[in-house]
C-alpha atoms as a PDB file:
ATOM      1  CA  MET A   1      -4.375  58.017 -27.831  1.00  0.00           C
ATOM      2  CA  GLY A   2      -4.070  56.158 -24.479  1.00  0.00           C
ATOM      3  CA  LYS A   3      -5.242  57.584 -21.189  1.00  0.00           C
ATOM      4  CA  VAL A   4      -2.694  59.223 -18.929  1.00  0.00           C
ATOM      5  CA  PHE A   5      -2.328  57.546 -15.497  1.00  0.00           C
ATOM      6  CA  ASN A   6      -3.425  59.892 -12.736  1.00  0.00           C
ATOM      7  CA  PRO A   7      -2.098  59.050  -9.201  1.00  0.00           C
ATOM      8  CA  ASP A   8      -4.792  61.250  -7.657  1.00  0.00           C
ATOM      9  CA  SER A   9      -7.506  59.119  -9.293  1.00  0.00           C
ATOM     10  CA  LEU A  10      -5.996  55.965  -7.766  1.00  0.00           C
ATOM     11  CA  LYS A  11      -5.931  57.562  -4.321  1.00  0.00           C
ATOM     12  CA  SER A  12      -9.564  58.575  -4.682  1.00  0.00           C
ATOM     13  CA  LEU A  13     -10.534  55.034  -5.698  1.00  0.00           C
ATOM     14  CA  LEU A  14      -8.725  53.522  -2.697  1.00  0.00           C
ATOM     15  CA  SER A  15     -10.334  56.029  -0.372  1.00  0.00           C
ATOM     16  CA  LEU A  16     -13.785  55.108  -1.679  1.00  0.00           C
ATOM     17  CA  ARG A  17     -13.092  51.416  -1.156  1.00  0.00           C
ATOM     18  CA  LYS A  18     -11.938  51.986   2.414  1.00  0.00           C
ATOM     19  CA  LEU A  19     -15.033  54.088   3.049  1.00  0.00           C
ATOM     20  CA  GLY A  20     -17.236  51.300   1.665  1.00  0.00           C
ATOM     21  CA  ILE A  21     -15.580  48.719   3.922  1.00  0.00           C
ATOM     22  CA  ARG A  22     -16.030  50.934   6.973  1.00  0.00           C
ATOM     23  CA  LEU A  23     -19.676  51.630   6.174  1.00  0.00           C
ATOM     24  CA  GLY A  24     -20.294  47.921   5.645  1.00  0.00           C
ATOM     25  CA  ALA A  25     -18.716  47.071   9.014  1.00  0.00           C
ATOM     26  CA  ILE A  26     -20.774  49.770  10.735  1.00  0.00           C
ATOM     27  CA  GLY A  27     -23.944  48.515   9.075  1.00  0.00           C
ATOM     28  CA  LEU A  28     -23.222  44.926  10.125  1.00  0.00           C
ATOM     29  CA  ALA A  29     -22.557  46.050  13.696  1.00  0.00           C
ATOM     30  CA  VAL A  30     -25.837  47.977  13.791  1.00  0.00           C
ATOM     31  CA  LEU A  31     -27.785  44.981  12.470  1.00  0.00           C
ATOM     32  CA  LEU A  32     -26.080  42.691  14.978  1.00  0.00           C
ATOM     33  CA  TRP A  33     -26.853  45.101  17.813  1.00  0.00           C
ATOM     34  CA  LEU A  34     -30.518  45.327  16.771  1.00  0.00           C
ATOM     35  CA  PHE A  35     -30.661  41.533  16.557  1.00  0.00           C
ATOM     36  CA  VAL A  36     -29.135  41.022  20.014  1.00  0.00           C
ATOM     37  CA  VAL A  37     -31.205  43.574  21.890  1.00  0.00           C
ATOM     38  CA  SER A  38     -34.411  42.815  20.038  1.00  0.00           C
ATOM     39  CA  GLU A  39     -37.240  41.118  21.919  1.00  0.00           C
ATOM     40  CA  ASN A  40     -38.675  39.859  18.630  1.00  0.00           C
ATOM     41  CA  GLU A  41     -38.543  36.148  17.783  1.00  0.00           C
ATOM     42  CA  TYR A  42     -36.408  34.872  14.933  1.00  0.00           C
ATOM     43  CA  SER A  43     -35.496  31.493  13.468  1.00  0.00           C
ATOM     44  CA  MET A  44     -31.929  30.484  12.719  1.00  0.00           C
ATOM     45  CA  VAL A  45     -30.182  27.363  11.342  1.00  0.00           C
ATOM     46  CA  VAL A  46     -27.295  26.188  13.521  1.00  0.00           C
ATOM     47  CA  ASP A  47     -25.044  23.113  13.647  1.00  0.00           C
ATOM     48  CA  ILE A  48     -25.850  20.778  16.547  1.00  0.00           C
ATOM     49  CA  PRO A  49     -23.768  17.654  17.391  1.00  0.00           C
ATOM     50  CA  ILE A  50     -25.294  14.215  16.854  1.00  0.00           C
ATOM     51  CA  GLU A  51     -24.637  11.559  19.485  1.00  0.00           C
ATOM     52  CA  ALA A  52     -25.371   7.878  18.880  1.00  0.00           C
ATOM     53  CA  ARG A  53     -25.675   6.148  22.261  1.00  0.00           C
ATOM     54  CA  ASN A  54     -26.659   2.829  23.850  1.00  0.00           C
ATOM     55  CA  LEU A  55     -24.918   0.641  21.288  1.00  0.00           C
ATOM     56  CA  PRO A  56     -26.087  -2.974  21.771  1.00  0.00           C
ATOM     57  CA  ALA A  57     -23.620  -5.226  23.623  1.00  0.00           C
ATOM     58  CA  ARG A  58     -20.900  -6.868  21.490  1.00  0.00           C
ATOM     59  CA  HIS A  59     -21.823  -4.722  18.499  1.00  0.00           C
ATOM     60  CA  ALA A  60     -19.955  -1.970  16.672  1.00  0.00           C
ATOM     61  CA  LEU A  61     -20.786   0.670  14.088  1.00  0.00           C
ATOM     62  CA  LYS A  62     -19.785  -0.242  10.538  1.00  0.00           C
ATOM     63  CA  LYS A  63     -20.080   3.346   9.257  1.00  0.00           C
ATOM     64  CA  GLU A  64     -19.601   6.747  10.792  1.00  0.00           C
ATOM     65  CA  VAL A  65     -22.577   8.688  12.068  1.00  0.00           C
ATOM     66  CA  PRO A  66     -22.608  12.359  10.926  1.00  0.00           C
ATOM     67  CA  ASP A  67     -20.963  14.618  13.490  1.00  0.00           C
ATOM     68  CA  VAL A  68     -23.542  17.390  13.263  1.00  0.00           C
ATOM     69  CA  ALA A  69     -26.949  18.217  11.857  1.00  0.00           C
ATOM     70  CA  LYS A  70     -28.191  21.573  10.618  1.00  0.00           C
ATOM     71  CA  VAL A  71     -31.135  22.410  12.852  1.00  0.00           C
ATOM     72  CA  ARG A  72     -33.608  25.282  12.767  1.00  0.00           C
ATOM     73  CA  LEU A  73     -34.112  26.912  16.151  1.00  0.00           C
ATOM     74  CA  ARG A  74     -36.526  29.654  17.186  1.00  0.00           C
ATOM     75  CA  GLY A  75     -36.095  32.226  19.890  1.00  0.00           C
ATOM     76  CA  ARG A  76     -35.498  35.887  20.739  1.00  0.00           C
ATOM     77  CA  GLY A  77     -32.555  37.579  19.098  1.00  0.00           C
ATOM     78  CA  ARG A  78     -30.415  37.663  22.226  1.00  0.00           C
ATOM     79  CA  SER A  79     -31.138  33.976  22.959  1.00  0.00           C
ATOM     80  CA  LEU A  80     -30.177  32.871  19.453  1.00  0.00           C
ATOM     81  CA  PHE A  81     -27.041  35.004  19.617  1.00  0.00           C
ATOM     82  CA  LYS A  82     -26.103  33.357  22.933  1.00  0.00           C
ATOM     83  CA  THR A  83     -26.740  29.921  21.408  1.00  0.00           C
ATOM     84  CA  VAL A  84     -24.484  30.533  18.423  1.00  0.00           C
ATOM     85  CA  ILE A  85     -21.645  31.791  20.634  1.00  0.00           C
ATOM     86  CA  LEU A  86     -21.787  29.272  23.493  1.00  0.00           C
ATOM     87  CA  LYS A  87     -23.228  25.998  22.149  1.00  0.00           C
ATOM     88  CA  LYS A  88     -19.821  24.568  21.163  1.00  0.00           C
ATOM     89  CA  PHE A  89     -18.680  24.817  24.777  1.00  0.00           C
ATOM     90  CA  ILE A  90     -21.736  23.044  26.232  1.00  0.00           C
ATOM     91  CA  PRO A  91     -21.594  19.201  26.058  1.00  0.00           C
ATOM     92  CA  ASP A  92     -25.327  18.904  26.845  1.00  0.00           C
ATOM     93  CA  PHE A  93     -26.349  20.566  23.588  1.00  0.00           C
ATOM     94  CA  LYS A  94     -26.985  17.732  21.127  1.00  0.00           C
ATOM     95  CA  LEU A  95     -29.303  15.452  19.218  1.00  0.00           C
ATOM     96  CA  VAL A  96     -29.413  11.900  20.612  1.00  0.00           C
ATOM     97  CA  LEU A  97     -29.986   8.770  18.533  1.00  0.00           C
ATOM     98  CA  ASP A  98     -30.810   5.809  20.780  1.00  0.00           C
ATOM     99  CA  LEU A  99     -29.511   2.554  19.267  1.00  0.00           C
ATOM    100  CA  VAL A 100     -30.631   0.210  22.029  1.00  0.00           C
ATOM    101  CA  ARG A 101     -33.298  -1.612  19.958  1.00  0.00           C
ATOM    102  CA  ILE A 102     -31.343  -1.853  16.696  1.00  0.00           C
ATOM    103  CA  SER A 103     -30.123  -5.297  15.598  1.00  0.00           C
ATOM    104  CA  GLU A 104     -28.265  -4.676  12.324  1.00  0.00           C
ATOM    105  CA  GLU A 105     -29.715  -1.937  10.103  1.00  0.00           C
ATOM    106  CA  TYR A 106     -31.961   1.042  10.780  1.00  0.00           C
ATOM    107  CA  GLU A 107     -32.842   4.312   9.067  1.00  0.00           C
ATOM    108  CA  PHE A 108     -33.527   7.240  11.395  1.00  0.00           C
ATOM    109  CA  ILE A 109     -35.871   9.735   9.700  1.00  0.00           C
ATOM    110  CA  LEU A 110     -34.739  12.596  11.879  1.00  0.00           C
ATOM    111  CA  ASN A 111     -37.750  14.904  11.917  1.00  0.00           C
ATOM    112  CA  ASP A 112     -40.128  11.981  12.513  1.00  0.00           C
ATOM    113  CA  TYR A 113     -37.859  10.556  15.199  1.00  0.00           C
ATOM    114  CA  PHE A 114     -37.470  13.808  17.153  1.00  0.00           C
ATOM    115  CA  GLU A 115     -41.197  14.546  16.818  1.00  0.00           C
ATOM    116  CA  ARG A 116     -41.897  11.165  18.413  1.00  0.00           C
ATOM    117  CA  TYR A 117     -39.122  11.519  21.020  1.00  0.00           C
ATOM    118  CA  PRO A 118     -38.719  15.254  21.701  1.00  0.00           C
ATOM    119  CA  GLN A 119     -36.628  14.470  24.800  1.00  0.00           C
ATOM    120  CA  LYS A 120     -33.846  13.316  22.427  1.00  0.00           C
ATOM    121  CA  VAL A 121     -33.321  16.955  21.415  1.00  0.00           C
ATOM    122  CA  VAL A 122     -31.108  18.062  24.309  1.00  0.00           C
ATOM    123  CA  ILE A 123     -31.025  21.867  24.688  1.00  0.00           C
ATOM    124  CA  PRO A 124     -30.227  23.339  28.127  1.00  0.00           C
ATOM    125  CA  SER A 125     -33.103  25.455  29.410  1.00  0.00           C
ATOM    126  CA  THR A 126     -30.742  28.362  30.064  1.00  0.00           C
ATOM    127  CA  PHE A 127     -30.488  28.948  26.309  1.00  0.00           C
ATOM    128  CA  ASP A 128     -34.227  29.771  26.016  1.00  0.00           C
ATOM    129  CA  VAL A 129     -34.541  28.589  22.390  1.00  0.00           C
ATOM    130  CA  ASN A 130     -36.916  26.061  20.827  1.00  0.00           C
ATOM    131  CA  TYR A 131     -36.217  23.258  18.393  1.00  0.00           C
ATOM    132  CA  VAL A 132     -38.179  23.570  15.134  1.00  0.00           C
ATOM    133  CA  GLU A 133     -36.833  20.983  12.675  1.00  0.00           C
ATOM    134  CA  VAL A 134     -33.769  19.273  11.211  1.00  0.00           C
ATOM    135  CA  ILE A 135     -32.765  20.775   7.870  1.00  0.00           C
ATOM    136  CA  TYR A 136     -29.895  18.400   6.996  1.00  0.00           C
ATOM    137  CA  PRO A 137     -29.419  15.479   6.897  1.00  0.00           C
ATOM    138  CA  SER A 138     -32.978  14.305   6.570  1.00  0.00           C
ATOM    139  CA  SER A 139     -32.031  10.799   7.725  1.00  0.00           C
ATOM    140  CA  VAL A 140     -29.170   8.834   9.273  1.00  0.00           C
ATOM    141  CA  HIS A 141     -28.522   5.228   8.309  1.00  0.00           C
ATOM    142  CA  ILE A 142     -27.190   3.037  11.118  1.00  0.00           C
ATOM    143  CA  SER A 143     -25.349  -0.168  10.223  1.00  0.00           C
ATOM    144  CA  LEU A 144     -24.172  -2.482  13.003  1.00  0.00           C
ATOM    145  CA  ASP A 145     -21.792  -5.433  12.960  1.00  0.00           C
ATOM    146  CA  GLU A 146     -20.427  -7.974  15.398  1.00  0.00           C
ATOM    147  CA  TYR A 147     -17.741  -6.549  17.698  1.00  0.00           C
ATOM    148  CA  LYS A 148     -14.213  -7.912  17.211  1.00  0.00           C
ATOM    149  CA  GLU A 149     -10.813  -7.332  18.854  1.00  0.00           C
ATOM    150  CA  LYS A 150      -7.443  -8.132  17.321  1.00  0.00           C
ATOM    151  CA  VAL A 151      -3.736  -7.452  17.953  1.00  0.00           C
ATOM    152  CA  VAL A 152      -1.823  -5.994  14.981  1.00  0.00           C
ATOM    153  CA  SER A 153       1.674  -4.624  14.398  1.00  0.00           C
ATOM    154  CA  VAL A 154       2.487  -0.906  14.279  1.00  0.00           C
ATOM    155  CA  SER A 155       4.311   0.589  11.284  1.00  0.00           C
ATOM    156  CA  PRO A 156       5.817   4.043  11.978  1.00  0.00           C
ATOM    157  CA  ASP A 157       5.604   6.668   9.234  1.00  0.00           C
ATOM    158  CA  VAL A 158       8.701   8.586  10.324  1.00  0.00           C
ATOM    159  CA  ILE A 159      11.564  10.070   8.321  1.00  0.00           C
ATOM    160  CA  ILE A 160      14.813  10.733  10.224  1.00  0.00           C
ATOM    161  CA  ARG A 161      17.692  12.518   8.536  1.00  0.00           C
ATOM    162  CA  ALA A 162      20.912  12.927  10.500  1.00  0.00           C
ATOM    163  CA  ALA A 163      22.892  16.173  10.312  1.00  0.00           C
ATOM    164  CA  PRO A 164      26.215  16.145   8.405  1.00  0.00           C
ATOM    165  CA  GLY A 165      28.795  14.284  10.507  1.00  0.00           C
ATOM    166  CA  TYR A 166      26.124  12.162  12.243  1.00  0.00           C
ATOM    167  CA  THR A 167      24.465   8.836  11.458  1.00  0.00           C
ATOM    168  CA  LEU A 168      21.515   6.660  12.472  1.00  0.00           C
ATOM    169  CA  VAL A 169      22.608   3.622  14.475  1.00  0.00           C
ATOM    170  CA  GLY A 170      20.521   0.489  14.767  1.00  0.00           C
ATOM    171  CA  PRO A 171      16.846   0.060  13.951  1.00  0.00           C
ATOM    172  CA  ALA A 172      14.214   2.360  15.382  1.00  0.00           C
ATOM    173  CA  ASN A 173      12.550   1.192  18.566  1.00  0.00           C
ATOM    174  CA  ILE A 174       8.733   1.163  18.726  1.00  0.00           C
ATOM    175  CA  LEU A 175       6.940   0.658  22.031  1.00  0.00           C
ATOM    176  CA  PRO A 176       4.599  -1.068  21.962  1.00  0.00           C
ATOM    177  CA  GLU A 177       5.342  -2.895  18.704  1.00  0.00           C
ATOM    178  CA  SER A 178       1.719  -4.024  18.470  1.00  0.00           C
ATOM    179  CA  VAL A 179      -1.624  -2.661  19.633  1.00  0.00           C
ATOM    180  CA  LYS A 180      -5.146  -3.945  20.071  1.00  0.00           C
ATOM    181  CA  ILE A 181      -7.756  -2.747  17.596  1.00  0.00           C
ATOM    182  CA  ALA A 182     -11.480  -3.120  18.131  1.00  0.00           C
ATOM    183  CA  GLY A 183     -14.603  -2.421  16.128  1.00  0.00           C
ATOM    184  CA  SER A 184     -16.714  -3.867  13.341  1.00  0.00           C
ATOM    185  CA  TRP A 185     -15.819  -7.500  12.563  1.00  0.00           C
ATOM    186  CA  ASP A 186     -15.718  -6.860   8.793  1.00  0.00           C
ATOM    187  CA  ILE A 187     -13.294  -3.956   9.197  1.00  0.00           C
ATOM    188  CA  VAL A 188     -11.030  -5.394  11.907  1.00  0.00           C
ATOM    189  CA  GLU A 189     -10.692  -8.745  10.151  1.00  0.00           C
ATOM    190  CA  ASN A 190      -9.054  -7.098   7.108  1.00  0.00           C
ATOM    191  CA  ILE A 191      -6.470  -5.034   9.021  1.00  0.00           C
ATOM    192  CA  SER A 192      -3.032  -6.605   9.527  1.00  0.00           C
ATOM    193  CA  GLN A 193      -1.114  -3.521  10.648  1.00  0.00           C
ATOM    194  CA  VAL A 194      -1.758   0.082  11.598  1.00  0.00           C
ATOM    195  CA  TYR A 195       0.268   3.191  10.824  1.00  0.00           C
ATOM    196  CA  THR A 196       1.268   6.252  12.776  1.00  0.00           C
ATOM    197  CA  GLU A 197       0.712   9.829  11.762  1.00  0.00           C
ATOM    198  CA  ALA A 198       3.609  11.088   9.631  1.00  0.00           C
ATOM    199  CA  ASP A 199       6.534  12.837  11.301  1.00  0.00           C
ATOM    200  CA  THR A 200       9.894  14.108  10.054  1.00  0.00           C
ATOM    201  CA  VAL A 201      13.082  15.037  11.887  1.00  0.00           C
ATOM    202  CA  ILE A 202      15.757  16.848   9.859  1.00  0.00           C
ATOM    203  CA  ASN A 203      19.421  17.480  10.786  1.00  0.00           C
ATOM    204  CA  ALA A 204      19.250  15.327  13.906  1.00  0.00           C
ATOM    205  CA  THR A 205      22.334  15.499  16.161  1.00  0.00           C
ATOM    206  CA  ASN A 206      20.831  13.834  19.256  1.00  0.00           C
ATOM    207  CA  ASN A 207      18.818  10.705  19.888  1.00  0.00           C
ATOM    208  CA  VAL A 208      15.263  11.089  18.586  1.00  0.00           C
ATOM    209  CA  SER A 209      12.395  10.320  20.955  1.00  0.00           C
ATOM    210  CA  VAL A 210       8.818  11.179  19.969  1.00  0.00           C
ATOM    211  CA  VAL A 211       5.288  10.052  20.819  1.00  0.00           C
ATOM    212  CA  LEU A 212       3.287   9.152  17.714  1.00  0.00           C
ATOM    213  CA  THR A 213      -0.487   9.022  17.370  1.00  0.00           C
ATOM    214  CA  LEU A 214      -1.918   6.079  15.467  1.00  0.00           C
ATOM    215  CA  LYS A 215      -3.440   7.141  12.177  1.00  0.00           C
ATOM    216  CA  THR A 216      -7.200   6.835  11.876  1.00  0.00           C
ATOM    217  CA  VAL A 217      -8.770   5.994   8.540  1.00  0.00           C
ATOM    218  CA  ARG A 218     -11.800   8.108   7.770  1.00  0.00           C
ATOM    219  CA  GLY A 219     -14.924   5.999   7.527  1.00  0.00           C
ATOM    220  CA  GLN A 220     -13.455   3.201   9.655  1.00  0.00           C
ATOM    221  CA  LEU A 221     -14.660   3.277  13.245  1.00  0.00           C
ATOM    222  CA  ILE A 222     -11.693   1.535  14.862  1.00  0.00           C
ATOM    223  CA  GLU A 223     -10.631   1.888  18.482  1.00  0.00           C
ATOM    224  CA  TYR A 224      -6.902   1.665  19.257  1.00  0.00           C
ATOM    225  CA  ILE A 225      -5.567   0.428  22.596  1.00  0.00           C
ATOM    226  CA  PRO A 226      -3.304   2.283  23.242  1.00  0.00           C
ATOM    227  CA  LYS A 227      -3.801   5.263  20.939  1.00  0.00           C
ATOM    228  CA  THR A 228      -0.119   6.311  20.869  1.00  0.00           C
ATOM    229  CA  VAL A 229       3.289   4.639  20.643  1.00  0.00           C
ATOM    230  CA  SER A 230       6.779   5.851  21.499  1.00  0.00           C
ATOM    231  CA  PHE A 231       9.439   6.016  18.776  1.00  0.00           C
ATOM    232  CA  THR A 232      13.179   6.242  19.500  1.00  0.00           C
ATOM    233  CA  GLN A 233      16.156   6.299  17.156  1.00  0.00           C
ATOM    234  CA  ASP A 234      19.837   6.342  18.163  1.00  0.00           C
ATOM    235  CA  ILE A 235      21.850   9.175  16.547  1.00  0.00           C
ATOM    236  CA  GLN A 236      25.658   9.238  16.895  1.00  0.00           C
ATOM    237  CA  SER A 237      28.496  11.366  15.570  1.00  0.00           C
ATOM    238  CA  ILE A 238      30.604   9.683  12.888  1.00  0.00           C
ATOM    239  CA  SER A 239      34.180   8.621  13.601  1.00  0.00           C
ATOM    240  CA  GLU A 240      36.605   5.875  12.548  1.00  0.00           C
ATOM    241  CA  ARG A 241      38.533   3.166  14.376  1.00  0.00           C
ATOM    242  CA  ILE A 242      41.214   0.598  13.510  1.00  0.00           C
ATOM    243  CA  ILE A 243      40.240  -2.950  14.483  1.00  0.00           C
ATOM    244  CA  ASN A 244      43.110  -5.426  14.743  1.00  0.00           C
ATOM    245  CA  GLU A 245      43.330  -9.212  14.938  1.00  0.00           C
ATOM    246  CA  ILE A 246      40.226  -9.991  12.930  1.00  0.00           C
ATOM    247  CA  PRO A 247      40.316 -13.772  12.335  1.00  0.00           C
ATOM    248  CA  VAL A 248      40.322 -15.087   8.765  1.00  0.00           C
ATOM    249  CA  ARG A 249      38.068 -18.115   8.205  1.00  0.00           C
ATOM    250  CA  ILE A 250      38.237 -20.607   5.364  1.00  0.00           C
ATOM    251  CA  LEU A 251      35.000 -21.500   3.593  1.00  0.00           C
ATOM    252  CA  ASN A 252      34.216 -24.781   1.787  1.00  0.00           C
ATOM    253  CA  GLU A 253      37.107 -26.802   3.178  1.00  0.00           C
ATOM    254  CA  ARG A 254      37.611 -30.316   1.746  1.00  0.00           C
ATOM    255  CA  GLU A 255      37.747 -33.518   3.759  1.00  0.00           C
ATOM    256  CA  ASN A 256      40.935 -34.825   2.152  1.00  0.00           C
ATOM    257  CA  LEU A 257      42.844 -31.545   2.315  1.00  0.00           C
ATOM    258  CA  GLN A 258      43.910 -29.408   5.251  1.00  0.00           C
ATOM    259  CA  ALA A 259      44.140 -25.634   4.725  1.00  0.00           C
ATOM    260  CA  PHE A 260      45.718 -22.804   6.686  1.00  0.00           C
ATOM    261  CA  VAL A 261      45.860 -19.073   6.117  1.00  0.00           C
ATOM    262  CA  SER A 262      48.837 -16.839   6.728  1.00  0.00           C
ATOM    263  CA  PRO A 263      48.518 -14.457   8.451  1.00  0.00           C
ATOM    264  CA  GLN A 264      45.607 -15.799  10.484  1.00  0.00           C
ATOM    265  CA  THR A 265      44.309 -12.306  11.317  1.00  0.00           C
ATOM    266  CA  VAL A 266      44.019  -8.997   9.487  1.00  0.00           C
ATOM    267  CA  ALA A 267      43.270  -5.384  10.415  1.00  0.00           C
ATOM    268  CA  LEU A 268      41.098  -2.696   8.877  1.00  0.00           C
ATOM    269  CA  THR A 269      39.533   0.680   9.626  1.00  0.00           C
ATOM    270  CA  VAL A 270      35.784   1.005  10.131  1.00  0.00           C
ATOM    271  CA  VAL A 271      33.657   4.177   9.902  1.00  0.00           C
ATOM    272  CA  GLY A 272      30.416   4.574  11.848  1.00  0.00           C
ATOM    273  CA  GLY A 273      28.708   5.929  14.934  1.00  0.00           C
ATOM    274  CA  THR A 274      31.261   6.731  17.648  1.00  0.00           C
ATOM    275  CA  ASP A 275      29.724   4.630  20.428  1.00  0.00           C
ATOM    276  CA  TYR A 276      28.769   1.841  18.067  1.00  0.00           C
ATOM    277  CA  ILE A 277      32.226   1.210  16.552  1.00  0.00           C
ATOM    278  CA  ALA A 278      33.843   1.632  19.985  1.00  0.00           C
ATOM    279  CA  ASN A 279      32.026  -1.542  21.067  1.00  0.00           C
ATOM    280  CA  LEU A 280      32.786  -3.597  17.952  1.00  0.00           C
ATOM    281  CA  LYS A 281      34.816  -6.769  18.534  1.00  0.00           C
ATOM    282  CA  PRO A 282      37.068  -8.464  15.932  1.00  0.00           C
ATOM    283  CA  ASP A 283      34.609 -11.387  15.712  1.00  0.00           C
ATOM    284  CA  ASP A 284      31.806  -8.961  14.708  1.00  0.00           C
ATOM    285  CA  ILE A 285      33.451  -8.576  11.292  1.00  0.00           C
ATOM    286  CA  SER A 286      33.484 -11.550   8.926  1.00  0.00           C
ATOM    287  CA  ILE A 287      36.729 -12.055   6.962  1.00  0.00           C
ATOM    288  CA  THR A 288      36.739 -15.165   4.760  1.00  0.00           C
ATOM    289  CA  VAL A 289      38.638 -16.820   1.932  1.00  0.00           C
ATOM    290  CA  ASP A 290      36.849 -19.367  -0.282  1.00  0.00           C
ATOM    291  CA  PHE A 291      38.695 -22.670  -0.690  1.00  0.00           C
ATOM    292  CA  ASN A 292      36.826 -23.249  -3.967  1.00  0.00           C
ATOM    293  CA  VAL A 293      39.054 -20.653  -5.632  1.00  0.00           C
ATOM    294  CA  TRP A 294      42.239 -22.409  -4.494  1.00  0.00           C
ATOM    295  CA  ASN A 295      44.730 -23.243  -7.197  1.00  0.00           C
ATOM    296  CA  SER A 296      47.961 -25.100  -6.507  1.00  0.00           C
ATOM    297  CA  GLN A 297      49.768 -22.628  -8.758  1.00  0.00           C
ATOM    298  CA  GLN A 298      48.531 -19.583  -6.804  1.00  0.00           C
ATOM    299  CA  GLN A 299      49.892 -18.512  -3.423  1.00  0.00           C
ATOM    300  CA  PHE A 300      47.940 -15.389  -2.306  1.00  0.00           C
ATOM    301  CA  TYR A 301      44.180 -14.807  -2.311  1.00  0.00           C
ATOM    302  CA  ASP A 302      41.850 -11.876  -1.732  1.00  0.00           C
ATOM    303  CA  VAL A 303      39.523 -12.072   1.257  1.00  0.00           C
ATOM    304  CA  GLN A 304      35.808 -11.338   1.421  1.00  0.00           C
ATOM    305  CA  ILE A 305      34.689  -8.801   4.039  1.00  0.00           C
ATOM    306  CA  GLN A 306      31.242  -8.545   5.587  1.00  0.00           C
ATOM    307  CA  ALA A 307      30.807  -5.780   8.151  1.00  0.00           C
ATOM    308  CA  PRO A 308      27.707  -5.203  10.320  1.00  0.00           C
ATOM    309  CA  ALA A 309      24.926  -3.115   8.770  1.00  0.00           C
ATOM    310  CA  ASP A 310      25.655  -0.065  10.949  1.00  0.00           C
ATOM    311  CA  VAL A 311      29.255   0.202   9.718  1.00  0.00           C
ATOM    312  CA  ILE A 312      29.090   2.977   7.125  1.00  0.00           C
ATOM    313  CA  GLU A 313      32.249   1.800   5.345  1.00  0.00           C
ATOM    314  CA  TRP A 314      35.521   0.000   5.884  1.00  0.00           C
ATOM    315  CA  MET A 315      38.961   0.789   4.445  1.00  0.00           C
ATOM    316  CA  ASP A 316      42.715   0.247   4.776  1.00  0.00           C
ATOM    317  CA  LEU A 317      42.654  -3.559   4.892  1.00  0.00           C
ATOM    318  CA  SER A 318      46.035  -4.895   6.028  1.00  0.00           C
ATOM    319  CA  PRO A 319      47.298  -7.113   4.526  1.00  0.00           C
ATOM    320  CA  GLN A 320      45.392  -6.882   1.247  1.00  0.00           C
ATOM    321  CA  SER A 321      45.591 -10.651   0.641  1.00  0.00           C
ATOM    322  CA  VAL A 322      46.459 -13.819   2.559  1.00  0.00           C
ATOM    323  CA  GLU A 323      48.449 -16.937   1.728  1.00  0.00           C
ATOM    324  CA  LEU A 324      46.518 -20.199   1.502  1.00  0.00           C
ATOM    325  CA  VAL A 325      48.646 -23.141   2.570  1.00  0.00           C
ATOM    326  CA  VAL A 326      47.196 -26.557   1.641  1.00  0.00           C
ATOM    327  CA  THR A 327      48.408 -30.012   2.668  1.00  0.00           C
ATOM    328  CA  LYS A 328      46.955 -33.520   2.487  1.00  0.00           C
ATOM    329  CA  ARG A 329      45.034 -34.546   5.552  1.00  0.00           C
ATOM    330  CA  VAL A 330      46.766 -37.351   7.444  1.00  0.00           C
ATOM    331  CA  GLY A 331      44.823 -40.351   8.804  1.00  0.00           C
END
């Protein structure tokens, strides 16, 4: 026979769990308080930034240097506590790797290096803690290459979707269209274009204008000049307009024959961005009839229509076909 669920038992269990959490928090607070006020010395492993400086002229790093190292420090409880809390806000708290004498490749054995050059362990005296050793990484490999600069095109990673009743007009505008990249010769030489960080604009009803950051590739130490580009895209409400007197042209005319169309112009309705179609001229739309399809037994012919890319659609062509009148060329 199954056990009967008892709501009181569940409440008791929850109460015990809450009590355990509270006791744990109190215990942690007491330990932290004892640690902070204690005059005893302790050791603690903390993350300290690594800075590679004095890069030789006309050289660049081929690989990234680790951002931080895990370092054992020793000091009184309150000093270590202060270090953990404040070190991220102090720029002069770091391990320095001096690259001035490196030509191409070098392996820094960190504990040996900082034992030989203790001044490269930069810890402000106000922290009152002592460096003991580097726990991780044990070494840092430095690989240098010839410095190279190059101008490459920018490819925006942007998705723009217009709201219902609106449309994108014209290509997006990127300023600048190209940027200078600089860094290791091997890396820069193989880059032909750079990309922006991804961005998306949904249900756009106004012109889009954003500043995009160039996308960095992890492991590739490339400098961008500039680091950002501006991206603009024209957004317009959709409307329609009748365009009259669009000339009809004849393609593939023959030297011995003279051809005419009747009527010489047609009209149609275009759909697109309001400001864009308002500025369209009859000559912006290509209306043609191909003389190669001419047959002396046929009088009327369909025309071919080519509208600009930003015209969403065209309709209501008038007339639907034109007459092709052909005579022999005189003289």
